[in-house]
Amino acid sequence: MRDTVVFSKVKLTNKTNQTGPCQVVLNSLHKYKPKLSIIDVMLKKKIYETSFEETEFIAVTAYQNED
């Protein structure tokens, strides 16, 4: 890789009917751990893959405040 990879905008959503190129659909109350994969598209081969324990999260789609 010669250049920096930038993810300028990624939207997490639970609405399957509103997906777009920058949206990732998640299921509420499911556990997720993002994974970074680098793939050589010319060779159709995975070069590198990693994930970080610190990035694990549970998706929550509704909040209720008792005020």
N, C-alpha and C. Protein backbone atom coordinates (compact mmCIF):
# COMPACT_ATOMS: atom_id res chain seq x y z
N MET A 1 0.85 -1.18 0.00
CA MET A 1 0.00 0.00 0.00
C MET A 1 0.88 1.23 0.00
N ARG A 2 0.57 2.12 -0.88
CA ARG A 2 1.35 3.34 -0.97
C ARG A 2 0.64 4.53 -0.35
N ASP A 3 -0.66 4.48 -0.28
CA ASP A 3 -1.44 5.62 0.21
C ASP A 3 -2.18 5.27 1.49
N THR A 4 -2.58 6.32 2.20
CA THR A 4 -3.36 6.16 3.42
C THR A 4 -4.80 5.83 3.06
N VAL A 5 -5.40 4.94 3.79
CA VAL A 5 -6.81 4.59 3.61
C VAL A 5 -7.62 5.42 4.58
N VAL A 6 -8.67 6.07 4.09
CA VAL A 6 -9.49 6.95 4.93
C VAL A 6 -10.94 6.52 4.85
N PHE A 7 -11.57 6.38 6.01
CA PHE A 7 -13.01 6.13 6.08
C PHE A 7 -13.64 7.41 6.59
N SER A 8 -14.01 8.31 5.70
CA SER A 8 -14.49 9.62 6.12
C SER A 8 -15.90 9.57 6.70
N LYS A 9 -16.71 8.62 6.27
CA LYS A 9 -18.07 8.56 6.81
C LYS A 9 -18.60 7.13 6.70
N VAL A 10 -18.99 6.60 7.84
CA VAL A 10 -19.66 5.31 7.90
C VAL A 10 -20.82 5.46 8.86
N LYS A 11 -22.02 5.09 8.43
CA LYS A 11 -23.20 5.20 9.28
C LYS A 11 -23.68 3.80 9.67
N LEU A 12 -23.85 3.59 10.97
CA LEU A 12 -24.41 2.34 11.47
C LEU A 12 -25.91 2.50 11.59
N THR A 13 -26.69 1.54 11.11
CA THR A 13 -28.14 1.64 11.13
C THR A 13 -28.76 0.26 11.35
N ASN A 14 -30.04 0.26 11.73
CA ASN A 14 -30.78 -0.99 11.84
C ASN A 14 -31.91 -1.04 10.81
N LYS A 15 -31.96 -0.07 9.92
CA LYS A 15 -33.02 0.02 8.92
C LYS A 15 -32.54 -0.56 7.59
N THR A 16 -33.04 -1.74 7.25
CA THR A 16 -32.60 -2.41 6.04
C THR A 16 -33.11 -1.74 4.77
N ASN A 17 -34.16 -0.94 4.86
CA ASN A 17 -34.72 -0.29 3.68
C ASN A 17 -34.02 1.04 3.37
N GLN A 18 -33.08 1.47 4.19
CA GLN A 18 -32.40 2.74 3.96
C GLN A 18 -30.89 2.56 3.82
N THR A 19 -30.48 1.45 3.23
CA THR A 19 -29.05 1.20 3.10
C THR A 19 -28.47 2.01 1.95
N GLY A 20 -27.23 2.36 2.08
CA GLY A 20 -26.52 3.11 1.06
C GLY A 20 -25.07 2.69 1.04
N PRO A 21 -24.26 3.35 0.22
CA PRO A 21 -22.86 2.95 0.10
C PRO A 21 -22.03 3.15 1.37
N CYS A 22 -22.45 4.03 2.26
CA CYS A 22 -21.68 4.30 3.48
C CYS A 22 -22.39 3.78 4.73
N GLN A 23 -23.40 2.92 4.57
CA GLN A 23 -24.17 2.44 5.71
C GLN A 23 -23.91 0.96 5.97
N VAL A 24 -23.80 0.63 7.25
CA VAL A 24 -23.62 -0.75 7.68
C VAL A 24 -24.83 -1.12 8.53
N VAL A 25 -25.56 -2.16 8.16
CA VAL A 25 -26.76 -2.58 8.88
C VAL A 25 -26.38 -3.50 10.03
N LEU A 26 -26.87 -3.16 11.24
CA LEU A 26 -26.61 -3.95 12.44
C LEU A 26 -27.93 -4.41 13.05
N ASN A 27 -27.91 -5.50 13.76
CA ASN A 27 -29.07 -5.98 14.51
C ASN A 27 -28.94 -5.53 15.95
N SER A 28 -30.03 -5.00 16.49
CA SER A 28 -30.03 -4.51 17.87
C SER A 28 -29.72 -5.64 18.85
N LEU A 29 -28.96 -5.33 19.88
CA LEU A 29 -28.58 -6.23 20.97
C LEU A 29 -27.71 -7.41 20.52
N HIS A 30 -27.06 -7.27 19.37
CA HIS A 30 -26.08 -8.27 18.93
C HIS A 30 -24.68 -7.72 19.17
N LYS A 31 -23.74 -8.61 19.44
CA LYS A 31 -22.35 -8.22 19.69
C LYS A 31 -21.58 -8.20 18.38
N TYR A 32 -20.77 -7.16 18.19
CA TYR A 32 -19.97 -7.00 16.98
C TYR A 32 -18.52 -6.70 17.34
N LYS A 33 -17.61 -7.15 16.49
CA LYS A 33 -16.20 -6.80 16.62
C LYS A 33 -15.70 -6.49 15.20
N PRO A 34 -15.48 -5.21 14.90
CA PRO A 34 -15.02 -4.85 13.56
C PRO A 34 -13.71 -5.55 13.20
N LYS A 35 -13.59 -5.87 11.92
CA LYS A 35 -12.41 -6.56 11.42
C LYS A 35 -11.89 -5.78 10.21
N LEU A 36 -10.59 -5.59 10.15
CA LEU A 36 -9.95 -4.91 9.03
C LEU A 36 -9.29 -5.97 8.14
N SER A 37 -9.69 -5.98 6.87
CA SER A 37 -9.11 -6.93 5.91
C SER A 37 -8.51 -6.15 4.76
N ILE A 38 -7.30 -6.51 4.37
CA ILE A 38 -6.66 -5.91 3.21
C ILE A 38 -6.59 -7.00 2.14
N ILE A 39 -7.20 -6.69 0.99
CA ILE A 39 -7.31 -7.67 -0.08
C ILE A 39 -6.70 -7.11 -1.35
N ASP A 40 -5.85 -7.88 -1.99
CA ASP A 40 -5.29 -7.50 -3.28
C ASP A 40 -6.33 -7.88 -4.33
N VAL A 41 -6.99 -6.88 -4.90
CA VAL A 41 -8.07 -7.17 -5.85
C VAL A 41 -7.56 -7.73 -7.17
N MET A 42 -6.32 -7.43 -7.51
CA MET A 42 -5.75 -7.97 -8.75
C MET A 42 -5.50 -9.48 -8.60
N LEU A 43 -5.01 -9.88 -7.43
CA LEU A 43 -4.72 -11.30 -7.19
C LEU A 43 -5.90 -12.05 -6.58
N LYS A 44 -6.93 -11.30 -6.16
CA LYS A 44 -8.09 -11.86 -5.48
C LYS A 44 -7.64 -12.67 -4.26
N LYS A 45 -6.75 -12.05 -3.48
CA LYS A 45 -6.14 -12.73 -2.35
C LYS A 45 -6.12 -11.81 -1.13
N LYS A 46 -6.48 -12.39 0.03
CA LYS A 46 -6.42 -11.64 1.28
C LYS A 46 -4.96 -11.55 1.71
N ILE A 47 -4.49 -10.32 1.95
CA ILE A 47 -3.10 -10.10 2.33
C ILE A 47 -2.95 -10.01 3.84
N TYR A 48 -3.92 -9.36 4.48
CA TYR A 48 -3.79 -9.12 5.92
C TYR A 48 -5.18 -8.99 6.52
N GLU A 49 -5.33 -9.46 7.76
CA GLU A 49 -6.61 -9.33 8.46
C GLU A 49 -6.34 -9.20 9.95
N THR A 50 -7.04 -8.27 10.59
CA THR A 50 -6.87 -8.09 12.03
C THR A 50 -8.15 -7.52 12.64
N SER A 51 -8.27 -7.69 13.94
CA SER A 51 -9.35 -7.06 14.70
C SER A 51 -8.78 -6.69 16.05
N PHE A 52 -9.47 -5.81 16.75
CA PHE A 52 -8.99 -5.32 18.03
C PHE A 52 -10.04 -5.57 19.10
N GLU A 53 -9.67 -6.19 20.19
CA GLU A 53 -10.61 -6.49 21.28
C GLU A 53 -11.29 -5.22 21.79
N GLU A 54 -10.57 -4.08 21.77
CA GLU A 54 -11.11 -2.83 22.30
C GLU A 54 -12.28 -2.30 21.49
N THR A 55 -12.45 -2.77 20.26
CA THR A 55 -13.51 -2.24 19.40
C THR A 55 -14.80 -3.04 19.47
N GLU A 56 -14.85 -4.09 20.28
CA GLU A 56 -16.06 -4.91 20.41
C GLU A 56 -17.18 -4.09 21.04
N PHE A 57 -18.40 -4.21 20.50
CA PHE A 57 -19.53 -3.46 21.03
C PHE A 57 -20.83 -4.21 20.82
N ILE A 58 -21.87 -3.79 21.54
CA ILE A 58 -23.22 -4.32 21.38
C ILE A 58 -24.07 -3.22 20.78
N ALA A 59 -24.75 -3.52 19.68
CA ALA A 59 -25.58 -2.52 19.01
C ALA A 59 -26.86 -2.29 19.79
N VAL A 60 -27.17 -1.03 20.03
CA VAL A 60 -28.40 -0.63 20.71
C VAL A 60 -29.10 0.37 19.80
N THR A 61 -30.38 0.13 19.51
CA THR A 61 -31.07 0.99 18.56
C THR A 61 -32.14 1.87 19.19
N ALA A 62 -32.38 1.71 20.47
CA ALA A 62 -33.39 2.55 21.14
C ALA A 62 -32.92 2.87 22.56
N TYR A 63 -33.13 4.10 22.94
CA TYR A 63 -32.77 4.54 24.29
C TYR A 63 -34.01 5.09 24.97
N GLN A 64 -34.11 4.94 26.27
CA GLN A 64 -35.24 5.48 27.01
C GLN A 64 -34.70 6.22 28.23
N ASN A 65 -35.01 7.50 28.31
CA ASN A 65 -34.61 8.31 29.46
C ASN A 65 -35.79 8.47 30.40
N GLU A 66 -35.54 8.28 31.68
CA GLU A 66 -36.61 8.42 32.67
C GLU A 66 -36.47 9.76 33.38
N ASP A 67 -36.77 10.85 32.69
CA ASP A 67 -36.70 12.20 33.28
C ASP A 67 -38.08 12.79 33.45
